[in-house]
Amino acid sequence: MGGRQAKLKKHTAFMVDFISDFVNGEIDRFFFDLDYSGYVIEHYPHMEYENEGFAQKFADTINTTYNLYSDLPDEEFRVKMSEALNDWLN
């Protein structure tokens, strides 16, 4: 991820870091859920400006996964978000 992330612009890199921190267990589920929607509202419009296609892929992978699986237990949800993160970045 490091090489690709270095090429990402500010708002997209922020969201990659945020999702990665959750997937890697650095953010607890409670705080992830508290921050997720606010960060999407704040950063997504800028992500569209930075790279519209990559922002749309975020919506199709990360945001769709969040909406479909947010009712799962914490670790199952973390796995789903990890899969979505991999899909988004590849």
C-alpha atoms as a PDB file:
ATOM      1  CA  MET A   1       0.000   0.000   0.000  1.00  0.00           C
ATOM      2  CA  GLY A   2       2.879   2.388   0.751  1.00  0.00           C
ATOM      3  CA  GLY A   3       3.854   3.066  -2.884  1.00  0.00           C
ATOM      4  CA  ARG A   4       0.309   3.584  -4.045  1.00  0.00           C
ATOM      5  CA  GLN A   5      -0.607   5.661  -1.026  1.00  0.00           C
ATOM      6  CA  ALA A   6       2.289   8.037  -1.688  1.00  0.00           C
ATOM      7  CA  LYS A   7       0.566   8.915  -4.983  1.00  0.00           C
ATOM      8  CA  LEU A   8      -2.792   9.628  -3.351  1.00  0.00           C
ATOM      9  CA  LYS A   9      -3.835  13.172  -2.647  1.00  0.00           C
ATOM     10  CA  LYS A  10      -4.667  14.553   0.775  1.00  0.00           C
ATOM     11  CA  HIS A  11      -8.329  13.603   1.281  1.00  0.00           C
ATOM     12  CA  THR A  12      -8.099  10.210  -0.386  1.00  0.00           C
ATOM     13  CA  ALA A  13      -4.965   9.371   1.615  1.00  0.00           C
ATOM     14  CA  PHE A  14      -6.775  10.413   4.792  1.00  0.00           C
ATOM     15  CA  MET A  15      -9.615   7.970   4.108  1.00  0.00           C
ATOM     16  CA  VAL A  16      -7.197   5.168   3.203  1.00  0.00           C
ATOM     17  CA  ASP A  17      -5.370   5.752   6.488  1.00  0.00           C
ATOM     18  CA  PHE A  18      -8.612   5.899   8.464  1.00  0.00           C
ATOM     19  CA  ILE A  19      -9.993   2.661   6.995  1.00  0.00           C
ATOM     20  CA  SER A  20      -6.581   0.987   7.322  1.00  0.00           C
ATOM     21  CA  ASP A  21      -6.325   1.972  10.976  1.00  0.00           C
ATOM     22  CA  PHE A  22      -9.682   0.346  11.652  1.00  0.00           C
ATOM     23  CA  VAL A  23      -8.870  -2.793   9.667  1.00  0.00           C
ATOM     24  CA  ASN A  24      -5.530  -3.114  11.489  1.00  0.00           C
ATOM     25  CA  GLY A  25      -7.182  -2.796  14.900  1.00  0.00           C
ATOM     26  CA  GLU A  26      -5.777   0.646  15.687  1.00  0.00           C
ATOM     27  CA  ILE A  27      -9.274   2.149  15.939  1.00  0.00           C
ATOM     28  CA  ASP A  28     -11.952   0.472  17.968  1.00  0.00           C
ATOM     29  CA  ARG A  29     -15.324  -0.181  16.329  1.00  0.00           C
ATOM     30  CA  PHE A  30     -17.184   2.322  18.518  1.00  0.00           C
ATOM     31  CA  PHE A  31     -14.932   5.210  17.470  1.00  0.00           C
ATOM     32  CA  PHE A  32     -14.841   4.050  13.846  1.00  0.00           C
ATOM     33  CA  ASP A  33     -18.628   4.161  13.688  1.00  0.00           C
ATOM     34  CA  LEU A  34     -18.721   7.568  15.372  1.00  0.00           C
ATOM     35  CA  ASP A  35     -16.272   9.053  12.865  1.00  0.00           C
ATOM     36  CA  TYR A  36     -17.078   7.240   9.614  1.00  0.00           C
ATOM     37  CA  SER A  37     -20.090   9.203   8.381  1.00  0.00           C
ATOM     38  CA  GLY A  38     -18.592  12.546   9.327  1.00  0.00           C
ATOM     39  CA  TYR A  39     -15.366  11.752   7.524  1.00  0.00           C
ATOM     40  CA  VAL A  40     -17.235  10.632   4.416  1.00  0.00           C
ATOM     41  CA  ILE A  41     -19.239  13.881   4.424  1.00  0.00           C
ATOM     42  CA  GLU A  42     -16.073  15.920   4.925  1.00  0.00           C
ATOM     43  CA  HIS A  43     -13.664  14.129   2.591  1.00  0.00           C
ATOM     44  CA  TYR A  44     -15.696  12.462  -0.179  1.00  0.00           C
ATOM     45  CA  PRO A  45     -16.436  15.652  -2.161  1.00  0.00           C
ATOM     46  CA  HIS A  46     -12.706  16.414  -2.156  1.00  0.00           C
ATOM     47  CA  MET A  47     -11.912  12.828  -3.115  1.00  0.00           C
ATOM     48  CA  GLU A  48     -14.134  13.250  -6.183  1.00  0.00           C
ATOM     49  CA  TYR A  49     -12.125  16.306  -7.159  1.00  0.00           C
ATOM     50  CA  GLU A  50      -8.799  14.543  -6.541  1.00  0.00           C
ATOM     51  CA  ASN A  51      -9.696  11.431  -8.542  1.00  0.00           C
ATOM     52  CA  GLU A  52     -13.311  10.925  -9.537  1.00  0.00           C
ATOM     53  CA  GLY A  53     -12.919   7.281 -10.565  1.00  0.00           C
ATOM     54  CA  PHE A  54     -11.137   6.296  -7.374  1.00  0.00           C
ATOM     55  CA  ALA A  55     -13.774   8.135  -5.322  1.00  0.00           C
ATOM     56  CA  GLN A  56     -16.529   6.219  -7.115  1.00  0.00           C
ATOM     57  CA  LYS A  57     -14.680   2.987  -6.391  1.00  0.00           C
ATOM     58  CA  PHE A  58     -14.667   4.039  -2.703  1.00  0.00           C
ATOM     59  CA  ALA A  59     -18.446   4.378  -2.867  1.00  0.00           C
ATOM     60  CA  ASP A  60     -18.784   0.998  -4.594  1.00  0.00           C
ATOM     61  CA  THR A  61     -16.518  -0.861  -2.156  1.00  0.00           C
ATOM     62  CA  ILE A  62     -15.976   0.793   1.226  1.00  0.00           C
ATOM     63  CA  ASN A  63     -19.228   2.690   1.570  1.00  0.00           C
ATOM     64  CA  THR A  64     -21.352  -0.150   0.202  1.00  0.00           C
ATOM     65  CA  THR A  65     -19.673  -2.605   2.576  1.00  0.00           C
ATOM     66  CA  TYR A  66     -20.192  -0.251   5.506  1.00  0.00           C
ATOM     67  CA  ASN A  67     -23.886   0.073   4.695  1.00  0.00           C
ATOM     68  CA  LEU A  68     -24.472  -3.629   4.042  1.00  0.00           C
ATOM     69  CA  TYR A  69     -22.511  -5.113   6.926  1.00  0.00           C
ATOM     70  CA  SER A  70     -22.491  -2.547   9.733  1.00  0.00           C
ATOM     71  CA  ASP A  71     -24.799  -4.772  11.773  1.00  0.00           C
ATOM     72  CA  LEU A  72     -22.227  -7.596  11.938  1.00  0.00           C
ATOM     73  CA  PRO A  73     -20.252  -8.288  15.115  1.00  0.00           C
ATOM     74  CA  ASP A  74     -17.058  -6.250  15.355  1.00  0.00           C
ATOM     75  CA  GLU A  75     -14.527  -8.773  14.074  1.00  0.00           C
ATOM     76  CA  GLU A  76     -16.719  -9.995  11.219  1.00  0.00           C
ATOM     77  CA  PHE A  77     -17.299  -6.391  10.207  1.00  0.00           C
ATOM     78  CA  ARG A  78     -13.557  -5.701  10.373  1.00  0.00           C
ATOM     79  CA  VAL A  79     -12.957  -8.633   7.984  1.00  0.00           C
ATOM     80  CA  LYS A  80     -15.574  -7.307   5.542  1.00  0.00           C
ATOM     81  CA  MET A  81     -14.028  -3.835   5.662  1.00  0.00           C
ATOM     82  CA  SER A  82     -10.578  -5.349   5.116  1.00  0.00           C
ATOM     83  CA  GLU A  83     -11.841  -7.122   2.011  1.00  0.00           C
ATOM     84  CA  ALA A  84     -13.439  -3.888   0.781  1.00  0.00           C
ATOM     85  CA  LEU A  85     -10.216  -1.960   1.424  1.00  0.00           C
ATOM     86  CA  ASN A  86      -8.263  -4.505  -0.620  1.00  0.00           C
ATOM     87  CA  ASP A  87     -10.824  -4.249  -3.432  1.00  0.00           C
ATOM     88  CA  TRP A  88     -10.691  -0.450  -3.342  1.00  0.00           C
ATOM     89  CA  LEU A  89      -6.905  -0.271  -3.480  1.00  0.00           C
ATOM     90  CA  ASN A  90      -6.428  -2.938  -6.167  1.00  0.00           C
END
